[in-house]
Protein backbone atom coordinates (compact mmCIF):
# COMPACT_ATOMS: atom_id res chain seq x y z
CA MET A 1 -165.37 55.58 32.82
CA SER A 2 -168.57 53.52 31.08
CA ARG A 3 -169.74 53.72 27.17
CA ALA A 4 -171.84 51.87 24.55
CA PRO A 5 -169.43 49.23 22.78
CA GLN A 6 -170.26 50.45 19.15
CA ARG A 7 -171.20 47.28 17.70
CA PRO A 8 -171.78 43.58 19.95
CA ASP A 9 -169.36 41.90 21.39
CA PRO A 10 -169.93 38.53 22.47
CA PRO A 11 -169.95 38.50 25.99
CA ALA A 12 -167.71 35.47 26.20
CA LEU A 13 -165.37 37.05 23.97
CA ALA A 14 -163.04 38.36 26.35
CA GLY A 15 -163.74 37.54 30.77
CA PRO A 16 -161.66 37.81 33.28
CA GLU A 17 -159.02 35.57 32.66
CA LEU A 18 -157.43 38.81 30.57
CA PHE A 19 -156.75 40.55 33.48
CA ASP A 20 -156.94 38.60 36.70
CA PRO A 21 -153.87 38.23 38.31
CA GLU A 22 -154.90 34.88 40.10
CA ALA A 23 -155.52 33.56 36.66
CA TYR A 24 -152.22 34.71 35.24
CA ALA A 25 -150.60 33.09 38.20
CA ARG A 26 -153.27 29.70 37.93
CA ASP A 27 -153.60 29.17 34.60
CA GLY A 28 -150.44 31.61 32.55
CA TYR A 29 -151.35 33.50 29.61
CA PRO A 30 -154.61 33.11 27.79
CA LEU A 31 -153.62 32.00 24.84
CA ALA A 32 -157.10 31.19 23.57
CA THR A 33 -158.60 34.57 24.93
CA TRP A 34 -155.82 36.98 22.74
CA ALA A 35 -156.54 34.61 19.47
CA ARG A 36 -160.29 34.70 19.83
CA LEU A 37 -159.26 38.85 19.93
CA ARG A 38 -157.26 38.67 17.45
CA ARG A 39 -159.65 37.26 14.95
CA GLU A 40 -162.86 38.70 16.20
CA ASP A 41 -162.31 42.29 17.97
CA PRO A 42 -158.40 43.50 17.83
CA VAL A 43 -159.63 46.60 19.67
CA HIS A 44 -161.96 45.29 22.07
CA TRP A 45 -163.62 47.42 25.09
CA TYR A 46 -163.04 45.64 27.89
CA GLU A 47 -165.09 46.58 30.85
CA GLY A 48 -163.87 43.66 32.94
CA LEU A 49 -162.04 45.78 35.20
CA PRO A 50 -165.01 47.86 35.89
CA GLU A 51 -162.38 50.89 38.05
CA LEU A 52 -161.07 51.02 35.00
CA PRO A 53 -162.05 49.83 31.32
CA PHE A 54 -159.64 49.67 28.93
CA TRP A 55 -159.50 49.11 25.03
CA ALA A 56 -157.54 45.96 24.70
CA LEU A 57 -155.52 45.78 21.38
CA THR A 58 -154.28 41.83 20.87
CA ARG A 59 -152.81 41.93 17.22
CA ARG A 60 -149.58 43.30 16.02
CA ALA A 61 -150.58 45.76 13.55
CA GLU A 62 -152.25 47.84 16.14
CA ILE A 63 -149.68 47.64 18.69
CA VAL A 64 -147.23 48.75 16.97
CA GLU A 65 -149.24 51.74 15.80
CA VAL A 66 -150.30 52.40 18.93
CA ALA A 67 -146.66 52.06 20.23
CA ARG A 68 -144.98 54.30 17.50
CA ASP A 69 -147.46 57.19 17.85
CA PRO A 70 -146.88 59.08 21.52
CA ALA A 71 -148.36 62.33 19.85
CA ARG A 72 -151.89 60.28 20.12
CA PHE A 73 -151.38 57.65 22.85
CA SER A 74 -149.50 59.42 25.84
CA SER A 75 -147.52 57.31 27.70
CA GLU A 76 -148.11 60.00 31.01
CA LYS A 77 -150.99 59.27 32.24
CA ARG A 78 -150.59 55.45 32.88
CA PHE A 79 -147.70 53.34 31.64
CA HIS A 80 -149.42 50.13 33.00
CA ILE A 81 -152.94 49.18 34.44
CA VAL A 82 -152.52 46.89 38.32
CA ALA A 83 -155.39 45.42 39.08
CA GLY A 84 -156.59 45.97 42.50
CA GLY A 85 -153.60 48.85 43.05
CA ASP A 86 -153.64 50.62 39.84
CA TYR A 87 -150.77 53.80 39.81
CA GLY A 88 -152.10 56.88 41.53
CA ASP A 89 -151.63 60.42 42.19
CA ASP A 90 -149.34 59.65 45.66
CA PRO A 91 -145.95 61.78 45.13
CA ARG A 92 -144.65 58.64 46.64
CA GLU A 93 -145.13 57.56 43.25
CA THR A 94 -141.60 56.55 40.80
CA ARG A 95 -141.60 59.32 37.59
CA THR A 96 -139.25 57.15 35.14
CA ILE A 97 -138.56 57.59 31.89
CA VAL A 98 -141.35 54.81 30.90
CA GLN A 99 -143.74 57.27 32.02
CA MET A 100 -142.67 60.64 29.74
CA ASP A 101 -143.41 61.49 25.72
CA PRO A 102 -141.14 63.52 24.04
CA PRO A 103 -139.05 65.12 23.73
CA LYS A 104 -138.53 64.76 27.04
CA HIS A 105 -138.62 61.27 27.74
CA ARG A 106 -135.55 61.41 24.54
CA ASP A 107 -133.78 63.78 26.53
CA ARG A 108 -133.73 61.50 29.48
CA ARG A 109 -133.22 57.75 27.95
CA GLY A 110 -130.35 59.68 25.62
CA LEU A 111 -128.36 60.04 29.58
CA LEU A 112 -127.23 56.20 29.42
CA SER A 113 -128.66 55.32 25.78
CA ALA A 114 -124.87 54.91 24.82
CA ARG A 115 -123.74 52.62 27.00
CA PHE A 116 -126.69 50.37 26.59
CA THR A 117 -125.31 49.59 22.42
CA PRO A 118 -123.98 46.48 20.72
CA ARG A 119 -120.69 48.17 20.47
CA ALA A 120 -120.44 49.93 24.02
CA LEU A 121 -121.77 45.58 25.56
CA ARG A 122 -118.85 44.07 23.52
CA GLY A 123 -116.54 44.80 26.27
CA LEU A 124 -118.89 43.67 28.90
CA GLU A 125 -119.33 40.41 27.35
CA ALA A 126 -116.21 38.66 29.11
CA ASP A 127 -117.66 39.71 32.14
CA VAL A 128 -121.19 38.45 32.10
CA GLU A 129 -119.63 35.05 30.69
CA ALA A 130 -118.00 34.75 34.08
CA ILE A 131 -121.06 35.74 35.96
CA THR A 132 -122.53 32.95 34.53
CA ASP A 133 -120.07 30.33 35.24
CA ARG A 134 -119.36 31.95 38.45
CA MET A 135 -123.47 30.59 38.52
CA PHE A 136 -123.40 27.58 37.27
CA GLY A 137 -120.28 26.92 39.23
CA ALA A 138 -121.80 26.76 42.25
CA LEU A 139 -124.38 23.88 40.98
CA ALA A 140 -121.20 22.04 40.43
CA ALA A 141 -119.78 22.81 43.88
CA ASN A 142 -122.86 20.74 45.11
CA GLY A 143 -121.55 17.51 42.93
CA ALA A 144 -122.04 16.00 39.56
CA THR A 145 -126.36 15.53 40.05
CA GLY A 146 -128.25 17.89 42.30
CA GLU A 147 -131.68 19.56 43.07
CA CYS A 148 -132.79 23.74 43.07
CA ASP A 149 -134.97 26.63 42.03
CA PHE A 150 -133.45 27.90 38.66
CA VAL A 151 -135.14 30.91 39.44
CA GLU A 152 -133.27 31.14 42.85
CA ALA A 153 -130.08 29.78 42.10
CA VAL A 154 -129.40 30.82 38.47
CA ALA A 155 -131.66 32.99 37.02
CA ALA A 156 -132.39 35.36 39.36
CA PRO A 157 -128.71 36.55 40.46
CA LEU A 158 -127.38 36.06 37.32
CA ALA A 159 -129.07 38.91 36.07
CA LEU A 160 -129.16 40.86 39.66
CA ALA A 161 -125.21 40.52 39.15
CA VAL A 162 -125.31 41.79 36.05
CA ILE A 163 -127.40 44.88 36.43
CA ALA A 164 -124.90 44.96 39.89
CA HIS A 165 -121.80 44.97 38.24
CA LEU A 166 -122.66 48.09 35.82
CA ILE A 167 -124.73 49.97 39.11
CA ASP A 168 -121.13 49.14 40.78
CA LEU A 169 -122.80 48.14 43.77
CA PRO A 170 -121.49 45.83 46.48
CA ALA A 171 -122.68 41.64 45.59
CA ASN A 172 -123.75 41.17 48.41
CA ASP A 173 -127.13 43.42 48.67
CA GLY A 174 -128.23 40.73 45.75
CA PRO A 175 -130.62 39.97 48.05
CA ARG A 176 -132.47 43.06 49.56
CA LEU A 177 -132.43 43.93 45.56
CA PHE A 178 -134.62 40.36 44.73
CA ARG A 179 -137.27 41.29 47.65
CA TRP A 180 -137.60 45.16 45.93
CA THR A 181 -137.59 44.33 42.80
CA ASN A 182 -140.65 41.06 43.77
CA GLU A 183 -142.32 43.63 45.99
CA MET A 184 -142.69 46.32 42.89
CA ALA A 185 -143.59 43.81 40.50
CA GLY A 186 -145.33 41.71 42.32
CA ALA A 187 -147.06 43.61 43.95
CA THR A 188 -150.73 42.08 43.61
CA ASP A 189 -149.33 39.16 44.70
CA PRO A 190 -149.99 38.50 48.58
CA GLN A 191 -146.79 36.27 48.86
CA TYR A 192 -144.15 40.12 48.17
CA ARG A 193 -146.60 41.84 50.79
CA GLN A 194 -146.59 42.14 54.04
CA ALA A 195 -149.52 41.93 56.92
CA GLY A 196 -152.60 44.44 56.04
CA GLU A 197 -150.88 45.87 52.99
CA SER A 198 -152.75 47.24 49.32
CA PRO A 199 -150.91 46.17 46.30
CA THR A 200 -150.30 49.89 46.50
CA GLU A 201 -148.95 49.91 49.76
CA THR A 202 -146.56 47.38 49.08
CA ARG A 203 -145.01 48.59 46.12
CA LEU A 204 -145.10 52.63 47.68
CA ARG A 205 -143.20 50.65 50.96
CA ALA A 206 -140.83 49.25 47.97
CA THR A 207 -140.59 52.03 46.59
CA ALA A 208 -139.08 54.21 49.45
CA GLU A 209 -136.79 51.33 50.08
CA VAL A 210 -135.09 51.83 47.32
CA PHE A 211 -135.23 55.40 47.57
CA ALA A 212 -132.95 55.38 50.60
CA TYR A 213 -130.56 52.58 49.37
CA PHE A 214 -129.69 54.65 46.81
CA SER A 215 -130.01 57.63 47.97
CA GLU A 216 -126.41 57.30 50.13
CA ILE A 217 -125.06 56.06 46.91
CA VAL A 218 -125.77 58.67 44.82
CA ALA A 219 -124.52 61.35 47.53
CA ARG A 220 -121.13 59.07 46.94
CA ARG A 221 -121.17 59.21 43.44
CA ARG A 222 -121.95 63.04 43.52
CA ARG A 223 -118.63 63.16 45.81
CA GLU A 224 -116.76 60.50 44.09
CA PRO A 225 -118.13 59.32 40.69
CA GLY A 226 -116.98 56.58 39.09
CA GLU A 227 -117.22 55.23 34.99
CA ASP A 228 -121.15 53.18 36.63
CA LEU A 229 -124.31 54.24 35.70
CA VAL A 230 -125.45 55.62 38.44
CA SER A 231 -122.48 58.45 38.48
CA ILE A 232 -123.51 59.26 34.72
CA LEU A 233 -126.89 60.04 36.30
CA ALA A 234 -126.04 61.97 39.03
CA GLN A 235 -123.26 64.03 37.46
CA ALA A 236 -126.40 64.70 34.67
CA ARG A 237 -127.08 67.90 34.20
CA PRO A 238 -129.65 67.79 31.07
CA ASP A 239 -131.17 71.01 31.32
CA GLY A 240 -128.53 73.29 32.68
CA VAL A 241 -128.89 71.26 36.22
CA PRO A 242 -129.15 68.09 38.31
CA LEU A 243 -131.44 66.02 38.19
CA PRO A 244 -134.45 66.31 40.57
CA ASP A 245 -133.39 63.61 43.66
CA HIS A 246 -137.28 61.85 42.46
CA GLU A 247 -136.56 61.03 39.43
CA LEU A 248 -132.95 60.48 39.94
CA LEU A 249 -133.77 57.80 42.22
CA SER A 250 -136.97 56.30 40.12
CA TYR A 251 -134.34 56.09 37.07
CA CYS A 252 -132.29 54.10 39.40
CA LEU A 253 -135.01 51.80 40.32
CA LEU A 254 -135.84 51.63 36.64
CA LEU A 255 -132.70 50.49 36.25
CA ILE A 256 -132.42 47.24 39.11
CA GLY A 257 -136.44 46.52 38.15
CA GLY A 258 -135.92 46.60 34.14
CA GLY A 259 -132.77 44.77 34.46
CA ASN A 260 -133.85 41.89 36.51
CA GLU A 261 -137.66 41.02 36.05
CA THR A 262 -137.25 40.64 32.47
CA THR A 263 -134.32 39.06 31.63
CA ARG A 264 -134.98 36.67 35.02
CA ASN A 265 -138.11 35.76 33.72
CA ALA A 266 -136.80 35.14 30.07
CA MET A 267 -134.37 32.58 31.08
CA SER A 268 -136.45 31.14 33.41
CA GLY A 269 -139.70 30.89 31.06
CA GLY A 270 -136.81 29.76 28.17
CA LEU A 271 -135.71 27.02 30.41
CA LEU A 272 -139.72 25.59 30.86
CA ALA A 273 -139.61 25.78 27.11
CA LEU A 274 -137.21 24.17 26.26
CA LEU A 275 -138.41 21.44 29.31
CA GLU A 276 -141.88 21.19 27.94
CA HIS A 277 -140.53 20.57 24.24
CA PRO A 278 -137.54 18.13 24.62
CA GLU A 279 -136.62 17.53 21.21
CA GLN A 280 -135.31 21.69 21.07
CA TRP A 281 -133.89 21.04 24.34
CA ARG A 282 -131.86 18.32 22.39
CA ARG A 283 -131.55 19.51 19.72
CA LEU A 284 -129.64 23.26 21.49
CA ARG A 285 -127.62 20.72 23.76
CA ALA A 286 -126.25 19.12 19.96
CA GLU A 287 -125.79 22.36 18.53
CA PRO A 288 -124.57 25.34 20.85
CA GLY A 289 -123.85 28.20 18.28
CA LEU A 290 -127.85 28.52 18.46
CA ALA A 291 -127.95 30.28 21.76
CA ALA A 292 -128.83 33.55 20.30
CA SER A 293 -131.82 32.24 18.16
CA ALA A 294 -132.89 30.00 20.95
CA GLY A 295 -133.25 33.16 22.90
CA GLU A 296 -134.90 35.36 20.85
CA GLU A 297 -137.49 32.53 20.35
CA CYS A 298 -137.44 32.49 24.59
CA LEU A 299 -138.12 35.90 23.87
CA ARG A 300 -140.98 35.82 21.89
CA TRP A 301 -142.21 32.65 23.72
CA THR A 302 -142.36 34.27 26.92
CA THR A 303 -142.38 37.71 26.47
CA PRO A 304 -142.41 39.03 30.26
CA VAL A 305 -143.66 42.05 30.18
CA ILE A 306 -147.36 41.43 30.01
CA HIS A 307 -148.51 44.87 28.58
CA ASN A 308 -148.02 48.80 29.26
CA ALA A 309 -150.77 51.26 29.31
CA ARG A 310 -151.57 54.45 27.11
CA THR A 311 -153.85 57.30 27.08
CA ALA A 312 -155.36 59.08 23.93
CA VAL A 313 -154.82 62.38 23.29
CA ALA A 314 -157.85 63.16 21.88
CA ASP A 315 -160.34 61.45 19.81
CA CYS A 316 -158.93 58.64 16.62
CA GLU A 317 -159.61 55.61 14.06
CA LEU A 318 -158.15 52.82 14.96
CA GLY A 319 -158.42 49.20 13.86
CA GLY A 320 -162.02 50.67 12.34
CA ARG A 321 -162.94 51.96 15.99
CA THR A 322 -163.16 55.09 17.15
CA ILE A 323 -161.25 55.91 20.61
CA ARG A 324 -161.90 58.96 22.92
CA ALA A 325 -159.86 61.51 23.87
CA GLY A 326 -159.05 60.72 27.82
CA GLU A 327 -159.36 56.63 27.19
CA THR A 328 -156.69 53.91 28.26
CA VAL A 329 -155.37 51.69 25.66
CA ALA A 330 -153.30 48.26 26.59
CA LEU A 331 -151.26 47.28 24.64
CA PHE A 332 -150.54 42.86 25.46
CA TRP A 333 -147.81 41.84 23.83
CA PRO A 334 -147.80 38.05 24.35
CA SER A 335 -150.70 38.39 21.96
CA ALA A 336 -148.52 39.93 19.30
CA ASN A 337 -145.88 37.28 19.56
CA ARG A 338 -148.64 35.03 18.80
CA ASP A 339 -150.24 36.92 15.83
CA GLU A 340 -150.39 34.48 13.24
CA ALA A 341 -150.73 37.20 10.65
CA VAL A 342 -147.08 37.84 11.48
CA PHE A 343 -145.73 34.24 12.29
CA ASP A 344 -145.35 31.34 10.56
CA ALA A 345 -146.74 28.29 12.93
CA PRO A 346 -147.03 31.00 16.02
CA ASP A 347 -147.59 28.19 18.60
CA GLN A 348 -144.96 26.22 17.69
CA PHE A 349 -141.77 26.34 19.57
CA ARG A 350 -139.25 26.37 17.71
CA ILE A 351 -134.93 27.64 18.63
CA ASP A 352 -134.45 28.49 14.91
CA ARG A 353 -136.90 30.49 14.12
CA SER A 354 -136.17 32.67 11.54
CA PRO A 355 -137.01 35.75 11.11
CA ASN A 356 -138.43 36.67 14.32
CA PRO A 357 -139.37 39.93 14.02
CA HIS A 358 -140.89 39.88 18.18
CA LEU A 359 -142.13 42.79 20.58
CA ALA A 360 -141.42 41.15 23.45
CA PHE A 361 -138.90 44.71 24.42
CA GLY A 362 -141.53 46.40 22.89
CA ILE A 363 -141.28 48.82 19.90
CA GLY A 364 -140.84 52.86 18.88
CA GLU A 365 -138.97 55.25 21.48
CA HIS A 366 -140.22 53.30 24.66
CA ILE A 367 -138.39 49.78 23.79
CA CYS A 368 -136.51 48.50 26.68
CA LEU A 369 -133.17 50.81 26.81
CA GLY A 370 -131.30 47.31 28.20
CA ALA A 371 -132.94 45.21 25.46
CA HIS A 372 -128.97 44.23 23.81
CA LEU A 373 -127.89 43.41 27.43
CA ALA A 374 -130.46 40.97 27.82
CA ARG A 375 -129.69 39.57 24.86
CA MET A 376 -126.62 38.52 25.69
CA GLU A 377 -127.16 37.56 29.34
CA ILE A 378 -129.71 35.37 27.70
CA ARG A 379 -127.51 34.06 25.35
CA SER A 380 -124.64 33.12 27.67
CA ALA A 381 -126.63 31.46 30.12
CA LEU A 382 -128.78 29.10 27.30
CA ARG A 383 -125.18 28.17 25.96
CA ALA A 384 -124.73 26.73 29.66
CA LEU A 385 -127.56 25.63 29.63
CA ALA A 386 -126.25 23.59 26.93
CA THR A 387 -122.75 22.61 27.23
CA ARG A 388 -122.51 22.00 31.26
CA LEU A 389 -125.65 20.07 31.54
CA ALA A 390 -126.31 16.72 30.99
CA PHE A 391 -129.64 16.26 32.16
CA VAL A 392 -131.89 18.32 33.21
CA GLU A 393 -135.88 17.74 34.77
CA GLN A 394 -138.91 19.66 36.05
CA THR A 395 -138.91 17.68 39.30
CA GLY A 396 -142.53 20.08 40.74
CA PRO A 397 -145.19 22.59 39.37
CA VAL A 398 -143.92 25.41 38.56
CA GLU A 399 -145.55 28.72 39.90
CA ARG A 400 -145.77 31.93 38.81
CA LEU A 401 -146.55 35.58 39.60
CA GLN A 402 -149.86 36.94 40.27
CA SER A 403 -149.45 39.53 39.07
CA SER A 404 -151.37 40.92 35.24
CA SER A 405 -148.17 43.16 34.49
CA VAL A 406 -145.41 40.93 34.61
CA GLY A 407 -145.34 37.51 33.94
CA GLY A 408 -143.06 36.19 35.75
CA VAL A 409 -141.67 32.43 37.08
CA LYS A 410 -141.61 32.36 40.78
CA ARG A 411 -140.11 28.90 40.85
CA LEU A 412 -139.21 26.24 38.37
CA PRO A 413 -138.09 23.26 40.49
CA ILE A 414 -135.35 21.17 38.68
CA ARG A 415 -133.26 18.02 38.70
CA TYR A 416 -129.62 17.90 37.14
CA ARG A 417 -126.91 15.96 35.93
CA LEU A 418 -123.38 18.33 34.61
CA ALA A 419 -121.67 17.62 31.83
């Protein structure tokens, strides 16, 4: 699809850095490009991805407008744009609530939403604290000082252990779940592809393996249901009949992907931000009670989901531009979280920032189902960092995920001394 722009756009306004997975891995987020677009063209027609030109939304106002209006902007056709491996019509593709519009989205989300309210999660806080203690206790088992990859030693196993607890999965299945979520979210990263695979083939293979794994679990929960999330889905009758197998398995996949990716990357990116802003690290150590607001700032600063996509249902106006029916819009959440019209000094990392109306979990009907749980985990991890580590420093370069969908941290090597 190609179209003539409605007004001349400077050629250098947005280049390949806007959507090149290699650029995200090498350089991190294109903050300067997003800032230019917010100032000069916040609804920008981008043709740097020839197979799918799209409208890049970088200002909070337009992003919120689209996210809150599923009648004009649908999630069904496309919820992400994957450079070199976009989602297609293959029957093996997932069918999750992220890809649904009302009323079906509301009905399916409602199957589990009651389990993720702040009130329902209060009873889980002690379990999250115990899991966090176990992760940091493993560091202590190696002595008072040591080195590790924070992602592998703390962030990833903590996030996976919590979601595995909610689903009632065997603890020793964590490495498999970790590999699958990496391969699905990071299919454009060569590290996670097998020889000869395309990104699409990697994602579909990992999806098939996750489906096979959960098929056995679902069959058991239908026979012998418990109180876990999969049991709820296995026993659900939203339309008077059981959920179709493909939809149920897609829901299970969403739980482990959503329960892992955002949380662990916010933890890892949050620690990196604290290391890059030592005065904030010192303040958190002196005031562990700031863990909650620090967690919100880590979420704003890292915003692990880079973008979501929507499709215009009919011709409409947005930010002074005409969006035609069938065209794709991409909502760049990290850019919204640096919007100068919303945040005071948005390029400063401040753990006591208030107010902090970030959109790291999205907004509108598709706001992250597990947002309150993720906040609990991040808060617990930050408290543990502040009270259990007397010293921490980065010992090597951070390795980022090669993806334009997820701002992932693959490796964060640190040296630490326990308090």
